Amino acid sequence: MFGHSKVRYKGLAKNTAQLFSLFGLANLVLARRQLLASPGSIAS
């Protein structure tokens, strides 16, 4: 019983870590697009 919940928790933690990294990468890509689209606004 305890071993099963432990394994299940590990799986959930792994899935959330994957989701966070996925969304993090997506945010980086979107931010990069915005930065490349308007280079003048960064310099000012």
PDB file of N, CA and C in Angstrom:
ATOM      1  N   MET A   1       0.832  -1.199   0.000  1.00  0.00           N
ATOM      2  CA  MET A   1       0.000   0.000   0.000  1.00  0.00           C
ATOM      3  C   MET A   1       0.875   1.261   0.000  1.00  0.00           C
ATOM      4  N   PHE A   2       1.810   1.352   0.949  1.00  0.00           N
ATOM      5  CA  PHE A   2       2.638   2.556   1.011  1.00  0.00           C
ATOM      6  C   PHE A   2       3.582   2.643  -0.189  1.00  0.00           C
ATOM      7  N   GLY A   3       4.103   1.484  -0.593  1.00  0.00           N
ATOM      8  CA  GLY A   3       5.005   1.479  -1.740  1.00  0.00           C
ATOM      9  C   GLY A   3       4.309   1.960  -3.008  1.00  0.00           C
ATOM     10  N   HIS A   4       3.036   1.571  -3.166  1.00  0.00           N
ATOM     11  CA  HIS A   4       2.298   1.967  -4.369  1.00  0.00           C
ATOM     12  C   HIS A   4       2.081   3.483  -4.407  1.00  0.00           C
ATOM     13  N   SER A   5       1.685   4.056  -3.277  1.00  0.00           N
ATOM     14  CA  SER A   5       1.443   5.503  -3.254  1.00  0.00           C
ATOM     15  C   SER A   5       2.751   6.264  -3.473  1.00  0.00           C
ATOM     16  N   LYS A   6       3.856   5.698  -2.977  1.00  0.00           N
ATOM     17  CA  LYS A   6       5.148   6.335  -3.154  1.00  0.00           C
ATOM     18  C   LYS A   6       5.502   6.394  -4.648  1.00  0.00           C
ATOM     19  N   VAL A   7       5.307   5.270  -5.325  1.00  0.00           N
ATOM     20  CA  VAL A   7       5.608   5.210  -6.756  1.00  0.00           C
ATOM     21  C   VAL A   7       4.692   6.157  -7.519  1.00  0.00           C
ATOM     22  N   ARG A   8       3.415   6.175  -7.110  1.00  0.00           N
ATOM     23  CA  ARG A   8       2.458   7.037  -7.792  1.00  0.00           C
ATOM     24  C   ARG A   8       2.849   8.508  -7.617  1.00  0.00           C
ATOM     25  N   TYR A   9       3.277   8.867  -6.414  1.00  0.00           N
ATOM     26  CA  TYR A   9       3.679  10.252  -6.167  1.00  0.00           C
ATOM     27  C   TYR A   9       4.898  10.614  -7.015  1.00  0.00           C
ATOM     28  N   LYS A  10       5.832   9.676  -7.112  1.00  0.00           N
ATOM     29  CA  LYS A  10       7.014   9.936  -7.935  1.00  0.00           C
ATOM     30  C   LYS A  10       6.600  10.197  -9.379  1.00  0.00           C
ATOM     31  N   GLY A  11       5.646   9.400  -9.857  1.00  0.00           N
ATOM     32  CA  GLY A  11       5.181   9.585 -11.224  1.00  0.00           C
ATOM     33  C   GLY A  11       4.520  10.939 -11.412  1.00  0.00           C
ATOM     34  N   LEU A  12       3.714  11.353 -10.426  1.00  0.00           N
ATOM     35  CA  LEU A  12       3.041  12.650 -10.520  1.00  0.00           C
ATOM     36  C   LEU A  12       4.062  13.777 -10.488  1.00  0.00           C
ATOM     37  N   ALA A  13       5.050  13.656  -9.609  1.00  0.00           N
ATOM     38  CA  ALA A  13       6.075  14.700  -9.514  1.00  0.00           C
ATOM     39  C   ALA A  13       6.840  14.802 -10.826  1.00  0.00           C
ATOM     40  N   LYS A  14       7.109  13.645 -11.430  1.00  0.00           N
ATOM     41  CA  LYS A  14       7.829  13.628 -12.699  1.00  0.00           C
ATOM     42  C   LYS A  14       6.994  14.302 -13.791  1.00  0.00           C
ATOM     43  N   ASN A  15       5.708  14.011 -13.817  1.00  0.00           N
ATOM     44  CA  ASN A  15       4.838  14.601 -14.831  1.00  0.00           C
ATOM     45  C   ASN A  15       4.745  16.111 -14.672  1.00  0.00           C
ATOM     46  N   THR A  16       4.620  16.586 -13.433  1.00  0.00           N
ATOM     47  CA  THR A  16       4.537  18.034 -13.228  1.00  0.00           C
ATOM     48  C   THR A  16       5.856  18.696 -13.611  1.00  0.00           C
ATOM     49  N   ALA A  17       6.970  18.043 -13.319  1.00  0.00           N
ATOM     50  CA  ALA A  17       8.267  18.601 -13.704  1.00  0.00           C
ATOM     51  C   ALA A  17       8.361  18.706 -15.223  1.00  0.00           C
ATOM     52  N   GLN A  18       7.871  17.680 -15.924  1.00  0.00           N
ATOM     53  CA  GLN A  18       7.888  17.723 -17.387  1.00  0.00           C
ATOM     54  C   GLN A  18       7.004  18.847 -17.903  1.00  0.00           C
ATOM     55  N   LEU A  19       5.829  19.016 -17.285  1.00  0.00           N
ATOM     56  CA  LEU A  19       4.918  20.075 -17.722  1.00  0.00           C
ATOM     57  C   LEU A  19       5.541  21.448 -17.502  1.00  0.00           C
ATOM     58  N   PHE A  20       6.161  21.636 -16.328  1.00  0.00           N
ATOM     59  CA  PHE A  20       6.770  22.936 -16.045  1.00  0.00           C
ATOM     60  C   PHE A  20       7.889  23.240 -17.029  1.00  0.00           C
ATOM     61  N   SER A  21       8.708  22.236 -17.332  1.00  0.00           N
ATOM     62  CA  SER A  21       9.795  22.467 -18.286  1.00  0.00           C
ATOM     63  C   SER A  21       9.235  22.741 -19.681  1.00  0.00           C
ATOM     64  N   LEU A  22       8.150  22.056 -20.032  1.00  0.00           N
ATOM     65  CA  LEU A  22       7.540  22.271 -21.344  1.00  0.00           C
ATOM     66  C   LEU A  22       7.003  23.690 -21.461  1.00  0.00           C
ATOM     67  N   PHE A  23       6.257  24.137 -20.440  1.00  0.00           N
ATOM     68  CA  PHE A  23       5.713  25.496 -20.477  1.00  0.00           C
ATOM     69  C   PHE A  23       6.830  26.533 -20.403  1.00  0.00           C
ATOM     70  N   GLY A  24       7.876  26.230 -19.652  1.00  0.00           N
ATOM     71  CA  GLY A  24       9.014  27.139 -19.572  1.00  0.00           C
ATOM     72  C   GLY A  24       9.666  27.333 -20.934  1.00  0.00           C
ATOM     73  N   LEU A  25       9.860  26.228 -21.651  1.00  0.00           N
ATOM     74  CA  LEU A  25      10.450  26.323 -22.985  1.00  0.00           C
ATOM     75  C   LEU A  25       9.537  27.089 -23.932  1.00  0.00           C
ATOM     76  N   ALA A  26       8.241  26.835 -23.842  1.00  0.00           N
ATOM     77  CA  ALA A  26       7.284  27.536 -24.705  1.00  0.00           C
ATOM     78  C   ALA A  26       7.326  29.036 -24.423  1.00  0.00           C
ATOM     79  N   ASN A  27       7.412  29.403 -23.138  1.00  0.00           N
ATOM     80  CA  ASN A  27       7.476  30.822 -22.782  1.00  0.00           C
ATOM     81  C   ASN A  27       8.746  31.459 -23.327  1.00  0.00           C
ATOM     82  N   LEU A  28       9.856  30.729 -23.265  1.00  0.00           N
ATOM     83  CA  LEU A  28      11.107  31.260 -23.803  1.00  0.00           C
ATOM     84  C   LEU A  28      10.996  31.502 -25.301  1.00  0.00           C
ATOM     85  N   VAL A  29      10.406  30.561 -26.006  1.00  0.00           N
ATOM     86  CA  VAL A  29      10.259  30.702 -27.462  1.00  0.00           C
ATOM     87  C   VAL A  29       9.374  31.898 -27.792  1.00  0.00           C
ATOM     88  N   LEU A  30       8.264  32.035 -27.071  1.00  0.00           N
ATOM     89  CA  LEU A  30       7.358  33.159 -27.330  1.00  0.00           C
ATOM     90  C   LEU A  30       8.031  34.486 -26.991  1.00  0.00           C
ATOM     91  N   ALA A  31       8.744  34.540 -25.882  1.00  0.00           N
ATOM     92  CA  ALA A  31       9.422  35.774 -25.488  1.00  0.00           C
ATOM     93  C   ALA A  31      10.505  36.122 -26.506  1.00  0.00           C
ATOM     94  N   ARG A  32      11.206  35.117 -26.996  1.00  0.00           N
ATOM     95  CA  ARG A  32      12.255  35.352 -27.983  1.00  0.00           C
ATOM     96  C   ARG A  32      11.666  35.943 -29.258  1.00  0.00           C
ATOM     97  N   ARG A  33      10.507  35.440 -29.646  1.00  0.00           N
ATOM     98  CA  ARG A  33       9.853  35.974 -30.847  1.00  0.00           C
ATOM     99  C   ARG A  33       9.505  37.446 -30.656  1.00  0.00           C
ATOM    100  N   GLN A  34       8.988  37.788 -29.486  1.00  0.00           N
ATOM    101  CA  GLN A  34       8.611  39.180 -29.222  1.00  0.00           C
ATOM    102  C   GLN A  34       9.850  40.069 -29.191  1.00  0.00           C
ATOM    103  N   LEU A  35      10.929  39.570 -28.587  1.00  0.00           N
ATOM    104  CA  LEU A  35      12.153  40.363 -28.514  1.00  0.00           C
ATOM    105  C   LEU A  35      12.752  40.584 -29.904  1.00  0.00           C
ATOM    106  N   LEU A  36      12.721  39.541 -30.731  1.00  0.00           N
ATOM    107  CA  LEU A  36      13.270  39.675 -32.083  1.00  0.00           C
ATOM    108  C   LEU A  36      12.384  40.550 -32.962  1.00  0.00           C
ATOM    109  N   ALA A  37      11.095  40.586 -32.674  1.00  0.00           N
ATOM    110  CA  ALA A  37      10.167  41.361 -33.493  1.00  0.00           C
ATOM    111  C   ALA A  37      10.341  42.861 -33.254  1.00  0.00           C
ATOM    112  N   SER A  38      10.727  43.243 -32.032  1.00  0.00           N
ATOM    113  CA  SER A  38      10.860  44.674 -31.730  1.00  0.00           C
ATOM    114  C   SER A  38      12.202  44.956 -31.054  1.00  0.00           C
ATOM    115  N   PRO A  39      13.292  44.959 -31.811  1.00  0.00           N
ATOM    116  CA  PRO A  39      14.610  45.215 -31.218  1.00  0.00           C
ATOM    117  C   PRO A  39      14.799  46.666 -30.785  1.00  0.00           C
ATOM    118  N   GLY A  40      14.054  47.598 -31.362  1.00  0.00           N
ATOM    119  CA  GLY A  40      14.207  49.005 -31.009  1.00  0.00           C
ATOM    120  C   GLY A  40      13.715  49.327 -29.613  1.00  0.00           C
ATOM    121  N   SER A  41      12.713  48.601 -29.140  1.00  0.00           N
ATOM    122  CA  SER A  41      12.145  48.908 -27.829  1.00  0.00           C
ATOM    123  C   SER A  41      13.091  48.511 -26.702  1.00  0.00           C
ATOM    124  N   ILE A  42      14.014  47.583 -26.965  1.00  0.00           N
ATOM    125  CA  ILE A  42      14.945  47.154 -25.920  1.00  0.00           C
ATOM    126  C   ILE A  42      16.025  48.216 -25.711  1.00  0.00           C
ATOM    127  N   ALA A  43      16.499  48.814 -26.810  1.00  0.00           N
ATOM    128  CA  ALA A  43      17.585  49.783 -26.732  1.00  0.00           C
ATOM    129  C   ALA A  43      17.129  51.082 -26.072  1.00  0.00           C
ATOM    130  N   SER A  44      15.874  51.442 -26.222  1.00  0.00           N
ATOM    131  CA  SER A  44      15.433  52.735 -25.709  1.00  0.00           C
ATOM    132  C   SER A  44      15.148  52.708 -24.225  1.00  0.00           C
TER     133      SER A  44
END
